Amino acid sequence: MVDIEHLQFGLETFGDIVANEDGSLQTAAASIRQIVREGELADDLGIQVFGVGEHHRPDYSVSSPETVLAAISAVTKQIKLATAVTVLSSDDPVRVYERFATLDALSNGRAQVMLGRGSFTESFPLFGYDLTDYDDLFNEKLGLYDALRNEKAVTWSGKFRAALKNQEVYPKTENGKLETYIGIGGSPESVIRAVKFGYKVIIAIIGGQASRFKPYIELYHAAAKELGKPEFPIAVHSHGFIADDENEAVEVAFKNIKANFDRIGLTRGWAPMSREQFDGETKVGSFYVGNPETVARRMAETIDLLDLGRFDLVYGAGNQTAAQRERMIELYGTKVIPRVKEILAEKAAVK
């Protein structure tokens, strides 16, 4: 049964370029400043987590999420500050630790590391890595990051970076350890790896019905018990859009989410998104789109089905305007989250 009292709600942005009211696009710099304003708004509304993605391509504005999160930390008080995700495979674990430890200091312990292999691959050639090493890179670097996370002197050697001998890394955190999630796209191997390291998991559900991920959650809990590892509440993130009017929400989301997915699909061999496909995702799939009541009911259904401890809504997909993005955040914080809790409480009362 869902622990409503400790249930968390977050927002994530991949840094999509913001549109002006006339349809023209803002600069990446202006889009980054808009994200800082949105992070401040989310904190004011009591939303618990704000995540910023890492991309190295022209349709997204953020390549250095920790820098953006540091700016957000200066104008917020309570909200957790996460990446969504940090592509550890093409980064250096020492630098990842140092950047997050610094963010943790600036934010008074609110940094949250979310590590992933990366569904986008632009960073690999950019930083001199071979995609044929995709899995080996992540496994090796995760091992080094885990050793660094203990905040003690590290002796380590591997294939892809220079060895360390009794090396201390700074700054140390005040909490003694960085809070860390592993982002999972839906493979049993990813689940088992996260369990072995004893990390929290966040599942990216970006297509299809949430029910298909239930076996992965069951695997997580079974593996944790078998290996004697801690079991943490499961987190999920999915795309969505909320507006006061149901039809407006659907049309804005279709225009922007379709454009975003079609643009990505050009390099991945996806067919263009049809209206039928989009409507299916909004009704029973992974897009949480509509007015506050519609979105709240769909979120509550997924949270209850998967027994989640956290739900992050990915907002701003495509080129939405600043007004559309900010209104969505307001509706999420003031109407959707309270309504989700209300629905879950009603469900719990009749069980």
Protein backbone atom coordinates (compact mmCIF):
# COMPACT_ATOMS: atom_id res chain seq x y z
CA MET A 1 0.00 0.00 0.00
CA VAL A 2 1.24 3.48 -0.91
CA ASP A 3 2.76 5.43 1.98
CA ILE A 4 0.87 8.65 1.32
CA GLU A 5 2.52 10.51 4.20
CA HIS A 6 6.00 10.07 2.69
CA LEU A 7 5.01 10.08 -0.99
CA GLN A 8 7.15 12.56 -2.94
CA PHE A 9 6.40 14.55 -6.09
CA GLY A 10 8.97 16.04 -8.41
CA LEU A 11 9.37 17.91 -11.67
CA GLU A 12 12.00 17.32 -14.31
CA THR A 13 12.99 19.32 -17.35
CA PHE A 14 15.28 18.21 -20.13
CA GLY A 15 16.01 21.86 -20.93
CA ASP A 16 13.85 22.18 -24.05
CA ILE A 17 14.20 25.53 -25.80
CA VAL A 18 11.41 27.90 -24.73
CA ALA A 19 9.12 29.39 -27.38
CA ASN A 20 7.95 33.00 -27.56
CA GLU A 21 4.26 33.77 -27.96
CA ASP A 22 4.73 34.33 -31.70
CA GLY A 23 6.24 30.87 -32.16
CA SER A 24 9.84 31.99 -32.48
CA LEU A 25 12.39 30.34 -30.23
CA GLN A 26 14.34 31.90 -27.40
CA THR A 27 18.07 31.45 -27.07
CA ALA A 28 19.54 28.62 -25.05
CA ALA A 29 20.75 31.22 -22.54
CA ALA A 30 17.23 32.63 -22.07
CA SER A 31 15.88 29.09 -21.73
CA ILE A 32 18.38 28.34 -18.98
CA ARG A 33 17.35 31.47 -17.08
CA GLN A 34 13.73 30.38 -17.45
CA ILE A 35 14.56 27.03 -15.85
CA VAL A 36 15.98 28.85 -12.83
CA ARG A 37 12.70 30.77 -12.49
CA GLU A 38 10.76 27.52 -12.76
CA GLY A 39 12.88 25.89 -10.08
CA GLU A 40 12.16 28.81 -7.78
CA LEU A 41 8.44 28.55 -8.52
CA ALA A 42 8.45 24.81 -7.80
CA ASP A 43 10.12 25.45 -4.44
CA ASP A 44 7.58 28.15 -3.57
CA LEU A 45 4.79 25.65 -4.27
CA GLY A 46 6.27 22.98 -2.01
CA ILE A 47 7.19 20.54 -4.77
CA GLN A 48 9.84 18.25 -3.35
CA VAL A 49 12.30 17.54 -6.19
CA PHE A 50 13.46 19.48 -9.24
CA GLY A 51 15.51 17.63 -11.84
CA VAL A 52 17.45 19.00 -14.82
CA GLY A 53 18.63 16.83 -17.70
CA GLU A 54 22.00 16.71 -19.45
CA HIS A 55 22.13 16.91 -23.25
CA HIS A 56 24.69 17.98 -25.82
CA ARG A 57 22.52 18.90 -28.80
CA PRO A 58 20.85 22.06 -30.17
CA ASP A 59 17.25 21.27 -29.17
CA TYR A 60 18.11 21.28 -25.46
CA SER A 61 19.66 24.14 -23.52
CA VAL A 62 21.44 22.38 -20.65
CA SER A 63 24.75 20.56 -21.02
CA SER A 64 25.91 21.31 -17.45
CA PRO A 65 22.94 20.60 -15.16
CA GLU A 66 24.89 20.99 -11.92
CA THR A 67 25.65 24.60 -12.85
CA VAL A 68 21.97 25.32 -13.44
CA LEU A 69 21.06 23.55 -10.21
CA ALA A 70 23.62 25.65 -8.33
CA ALA A 71 21.87 28.78 -9.60
CA ILE A 72 18.53 27.33 -8.48
CA SER A 73 19.97 26.51 -5.07
CA ALA A 74 20.63 30.22 -4.50
CA VAL A 75 16.94 31.13 -4.90
CA THR A 76 15.34 28.12 -3.18
CA LYS A 77 15.14 26.76 0.35
CA GLN A 78 13.67 23.26 0.52
CA ILE A 79 13.48 21.54 -2.86
CA LYS A 80 15.87 18.69 -3.69
CA LEU A 81 18.09 19.42 -6.68
CA ALA A 82 18.68 16.50 -9.04
CA THR A 83 20.03 15.72 -12.46
CA ALA A 84 17.87 13.81 -14.90
CA VAL A 85 20.27 12.17 -15.62
CA THR A 86 24.03 12.60 -15.33
CA VAL A 87 25.53 10.52 -18.15
CA LEU A 88 28.18 8.82 -16.06
CA SER A 89 29.46 6.69 -18.96
CA SER A 90 30.94 9.71 -20.75
CA ASP A 91 31.90 11.66 -17.63
CA ASP A 92 34.63 11.31 -15.04
CA PRO A 93 33.43 9.93 -11.69
CA VAL A 94 35.87 12.10 -9.76
CA ARG A 95 34.53 15.25 -11.42
CA VAL A 96 30.94 14.06 -10.93
CA TYR A 97 31.57 13.59 -7.22
CA GLU A 98 33.31 16.98 -6.91
CA ARG A 99 30.55 18.87 -8.73
CA PHE A 100 27.76 17.29 -6.72
CA ALA A 101 29.59 17.67 -3.42
CA THR A 102 29.96 21.36 -4.26
CA LEU A 103 26.27 21.62 -5.16
CA ASP A 104 25.45 19.85 -1.91
CA ALA A 105 27.44 22.45 0.02
CA LEU A 106 25.79 25.38 -1.77
CA SER A 107 22.30 23.97 -1.21
CA ASN A 108 22.73 22.87 2.41
CA GLY A 109 22.53 19.16 1.60
CA ARG A 110 19.88 19.22 -1.14
CA ALA A 111 21.91 17.71 -4.00
CA GLN A 112 20.64 14.48 -5.49
CA VAL A 113 22.69 12.50 -8.00
CA MET A 114 20.78 10.61 -10.69
CA LEU A 115 23.14 8.45 -12.73
CA GLY A 116 22.41 6.84 -16.08
CA ARG A 117 24.04 5.35 -19.14
CA GLY A 118 22.40 7.94 -21.37
CA SER A 119 19.62 7.39 -23.90
CA PHE A 120 21.24 10.09 -26.04
CA THR A 121 24.72 9.27 -27.29
CA GLU A 122 26.10 12.65 -28.43
CA SER A 123 28.32 12.90 -25.36
CA PHE A 124 30.31 9.78 -26.24
CA PRO A 125 32.12 11.07 -29.36
CA LEU A 126 32.17 14.57 -27.86
CA PHE A 127 34.31 13.39 -24.95
CA GLY A 128 36.27 10.77 -26.88
CA TYR A 129 34.49 7.54 -25.94
CA ASP A 130 33.58 4.60 -28.15
CA LEU A 131 29.95 3.52 -28.16
CA THR A 132 31.03 -0.10 -28.39
CA ASP A 133 32.15 0.33 -24.76
CA TYR A 134 28.69 1.59 -23.72
CA ASP A 135 28.04 -1.00 -20.99
CA ASP A 136 31.65 -1.43 -19.84
CA LEU A 137 32.06 2.32 -19.39
CA PHE A 138 29.06 2.60 -17.11
CA ASN A 139 29.90 -0.47 -15.05
CA GLU A 140 33.49 0.60 -14.45
CA LYS A 141 32.68 4.22 -13.70
CA LEU A 142 29.83 3.29 -11.39
CA GLY A 143 32.27 1.21 -9.37
CA LEU A 144 34.64 4.15 -9.03
CA TYR A 145 31.84 6.59 -8.19
CA ASP A 146 30.62 4.21 -5.49
CA ALA A 147 34.08 4.10 -3.92
CA LEU A 148 34.33 7.91 -4.01
CA ARG A 149 30.87 8.24 -2.49
CA ASN A 150 32.18 6.69 0.73
CA GLU A 151 34.32 9.85 1.13
CA LYS A 152 37.45 7.99 2.15
CA ALA A 153 40.81 7.58 0.45
CA VAL A 154 40.36 5.54 -2.74
CA THR A 155 42.72 3.08 -4.36
CA TRP A 156 41.34 2.00 -7.72
CA SER A 157 42.34 0.97 -11.23
CA GLY A 158 40.39 0.37 -14.41
CA LYS A 159 40.49 0.40 -18.18
CA PHE A 160 39.12 3.82 -19.07
CA ARG A 161 40.85 6.30 -16.75
CA ALA A 162 44.04 6.74 -14.75
CA ALA A 163 44.37 4.71 -11.56
CA LEU A 164 44.02 6.24 -8.11
CA LYS A 165 46.27 5.35 -5.17
CA ASN A 166 45.11 6.26 -1.69
CA GLN A 167 43.49 9.36 -3.19
CA GLU A 168 41.24 11.69 -1.21
CA VAL A 169 38.68 13.71 -3.15
CA TYR A 170 37.21 17.01 -1.99
CA PRO A 171 35.03 18.64 -0.79
CA LYS A 172 33.52 16.21 1.68
CA THR A 173 29.79 16.50 2.25
CA GLU A 174 28.28 17.48 5.59
CA ASN A 175 25.90 14.50 5.40
CA GLY A 176 28.74 12.03 4.77
CA LYS A 177 27.34 10.62 1.52
CA LEU A 178 25.67 11.95 -1.61
CA GLU A 179 22.09 10.80 -2.15
CA THR A 180 22.18 8.78 -5.37
CA TYR A 181 19.67 7.22 -7.75
CA ILE A 182 20.24 4.97 -10.75
CA GLY A 183 18.04 5.77 -13.73
CA ILE A 184 16.55 2.61 -15.28
CA GLY A 185 15.03 2.38 -18.73
CA GLY A 186 13.59 -1.09 -18.39
CA SER A 187 16.17 -3.90 -18.37
CA PRO A 188 16.54 -6.57 -15.69
CA GLU A 189 20.32 -6.09 -15.74
CA SER A 190 19.92 -2.42 -14.77
CA VAL A 191 17.69 -3.37 -11.86
CA ILE A 192 20.12 -5.98 -10.53
CA ARG A 193 23.07 -3.59 -10.88
CA ALA A 194 21.29 -0.92 -8.85
CA VAL A 195 20.44 -3.44 -6.14
CA LYS A 196 24.03 -4.72 -5.92
CA PHE A 197 25.29 -1.20 -5.32
CA GLY A 198 22.48 -0.52 -2.84
CA TYR A 199 21.20 2.52 -4.74
CA LYS A 200 17.73 3.97 -5.09
CA VAL A 201 16.13 3.57 -8.52
CA ILE A 202 14.05 5.81 -10.73
CA ILE A 203 12.33 4.19 -13.71
CA ALA A 204 11.86 6.13 -16.94
CA ILE A 205 8.42 5.26 -18.29
CA ILE A 206 8.27 7.16 -21.57
CA GLY A 207 6.08 4.83 -23.61
CA GLY A 208 3.43 2.18 -23.02
CA GLN A 209 1.39 1.25 -20.00
CA ALA A 210 2.88 1.51 -16.53
CA SER A 211 1.80 -2.04 -15.73
CA ARG A 212 4.55 -3.48 -17.93
CA PHE A 213 7.11 -2.17 -15.41
CA LYS A 214 5.61 -4.03 -12.48
CA PRO A 215 7.85 -7.10 -13.02
CA TYR A 216 10.94 -4.87 -12.77
CA ILE A 217 9.76 -3.50 -9.44
CA GLU A 218 9.06 -7.01 -8.19
CA LEU A 219 12.54 -8.03 -9.35
CA TYR A 220 14.05 -5.09 -7.46
CA HIS A 221 12.43 -6.10 -4.18
CA ALA A 222 13.18 -9.82 -4.66
CA ALA A 223 16.83 -9.16 -5.52
CA ALA A 224 17.27 -6.81 -2.57
CA LYS A 225 15.94 -9.45 -0.20
CA GLU A 226 18.11 -12.18 -1.73
CA LEU A 227 21.27 -10.08 -1.66
CA GLY A 228 20.58 -8.51 1.72
CA LYS A 229 20.49 -4.99 0.30
CA PRO A 230 18.27 -2.08 1.41
CA GLU A 231 14.89 -1.64 -0.26
CA PHE A 232 14.01 1.94 -1.10
CA PRO A 233 10.71 3.37 -2.35
CA ILE A 234 10.56 3.21 -6.14
CA ALA A 235 10.51 6.43 -8.17
CA VAL A 236 9.14 6.89 -11.68
CA HIS A 237 9.31 9.70 -14.22
CA SER A 238 7.03 10.27 -17.22
CA HIS A 239 6.13 13.11 -19.57
CA GLY A 240 3.08 15.28 -19.08
CA PHE A 241 1.35 18.59 -19.58
CA ILE A 242 -1.38 20.27 -17.55
CA ALA A 243 -3.63 23.21 -18.43
CA ASP A 244 -6.83 24.62 -16.96
CA ASP A 245 -8.76 23.46 -20.03
CA GLU A 246 -8.67 19.79 -21.05
CA ASN A 247 -8.73 20.40 -24.80
CA GLU A 248 -6.04 23.06 -24.59
CA ALA A 249 -3.80 20.70 -22.63
CA VAL A 250 -4.23 17.92 -25.18
CA GLU A 251 -3.58 20.14 -28.21
CA VAL A 252 -0.54 21.88 -26.73
CA ALA A 253 0.91 18.56 -25.61
CA PHE A 254 0.31 16.86 -28.95
CA LYS A 255 1.94 19.67 -30.90
CA ASN A 256 5.02 19.82 -28.72
CA ILE A 257 5.50 16.21 -27.61
CA LYS A 258 5.02 14.98 -31.18
CA ALA A 259 7.55 17.50 -32.51
CA ASN A 260 10.02 16.49 -29.83
CA PHE A 261 9.64 12.73 -30.32
CA ASP A 262 9.64 13.03 -34.13
CA ARG A 263 12.84 15.08 -34.04
CA ILE A 264 14.56 12.48 -31.88
CA GLY A 265 13.09 9.71 -34.01
CA LEU A 266 14.88 10.96 -37.11
CA THR A 267 18.14 9.64 -35.66
CA ARG A 268 16.66 6.51 -34.07
CA GLY A 269 14.49 5.16 -36.85
CA TRP A 270 11.14 5.86 -35.18
CA ALA A 271 8.08 6.44 -37.31
CA PRO A 272 6.45 9.87 -36.81
CA MET A 273 4.06 9.92 -33.87
CA SER A 274 0.45 9.57 -35.01
CA ARG A 275 -2.51 11.17 -33.28
CA GLU A 276 -3.80 7.70 -32.50
CA GLN A 277 -0.53 6.81 -30.79
CA PHE A 278 -0.53 10.05 -28.81
CA ASP A 279 -4.16 9.61 -27.72
CA GLY A 280 -3.39 6.08 -26.58
CA GLU A 281 -0.49 7.28 -24.48
CA THR A 282 -2.61 10.01 -22.85
CA LYS A 283 -5.49 7.66 -22.07
CA VAL A 284 -3.69 4.55 -20.80
CA GLY A 285 0.02 5.07 -21.50
CA SER A 286 2.89 7.17 -20.25
CA PHE A 287 1.74 10.73 -21.09
CA TYR A 288 -0.04 12.48 -18.22
CA VAL A 289 -1.96 15.13 -20.11
CA GLY A 290 -5.13 17.07 -19.40
CA ASN A 291 -6.72 19.31 -16.82
CA PRO A 292 -5.72 18.86 -13.15
CA GLU A 293 -8.43 16.30 -12.40
CA THR A 294 -7.54 14.13 -15.39
CA VAL A 295 -3.83 14.17 -14.64
CA ALA A 296 -4.35 13.58 -10.92
CA ARG A 297 -6.52 10.52 -11.54
CA ARG A 298 -4.02 9.00 -13.97
CA MET A 299 -1.08 9.69 -11.67
CA ALA A 300 -2.89 8.21 -8.68
CA GLU A 301 -3.65 5.10 -10.70
CA THR A 302 0.01 4.59 -11.60
CA ILE A 303 1.27 5.35 -8.09
CA ASP A 304 -1.20 2.86 -6.62
CA LEU A 305 -0.52 0.19 -9.25
CA LEU A 306 3.26 0.29 -8.82
CA ASP A 307 3.28 1.19 -5.11
CA LEU A 308 5.53 4.16 -5.76
CA GLY A 309 7.32 6.38 -3.31
CA ARG A 310 7.91 9.20 -5.78
CA PHE A 311 6.49 10.45 -9.07
CA ASP A 312 8.37 12.98 -11.22
CA LEU A 313 6.51 14.68 -14.06
CA VAL A 314 8.71 15.65 -17.01
CA TYR A 315 7.45 19.03 -18.20
CA GLY A 316 8.21 21.39 -21.06
CA ALA A 317 8.71 18.78 -23.81
CA GLY A 318 8.99 20.50 -27.16
CA ASN A 319 8.91 24.25 -27.50
CA GLN A 320 6.25 25.42 -25.06
CA THR A 321 6.04 29.04 -23.98
CA ALA A 322 7.22 30.24 -20.57
CA ALA A 323 3.61 31.03 -19.62
CA GLN A 324 2.48 27.50 -20.49
CA ARG A 325 5.31 25.94 -18.52
CA GLU A 326 4.82 28.12 -15.45
CA ARG A 327 1.05 27.60 -15.41
CA MET A 328 1.58 23.86 -15.60
CA ILE A 329 3.92 23.99 -12.60
CA GLU A 330 1.36 26.04 -10.67
CA LEU A 331 -1.43 23.56 -11.44
CA TYR A 332 0.80 20.62 -10.56
CA GLY A 333 1.70 22.08 -7.18
CA THR A 334 -1.64 23.59 -6.16
CA LYS A 335 -4.19 21.19 -7.67
CA VAL A 336 -2.73 17.94 -8.98
CA ILE A 337 -0.56 16.90 -6.04
CA PRO A 338 -3.24 17.55 -3.37
CA ARG A 339 -5.81 15.76 -5.52
CA VAL A 340 -3.54 12.73 -6.04
CA LYS A 341 -3.12 12.39 -2.29
CA GLU A 342 -6.86 12.71 -1.83
CA ILE A 343 -7.60 9.98 -4.37
CA LEU A 344 -5.02 7.65 -2.85
CA ALA A 345 -6.47 8.23 0.62
CA GLU A 346 -9.91 7.34 -0.71
CA LYS A 347 -8.51 4.15 -2.26
CA ALA A 348 -6.77 3.21 0.98
CA ALA A 349 -9.96 3.69 2.96
CA VAL A 350 -11.83 1.02 0.99
CA LYS A 351 -9.02 -1.56 0.87
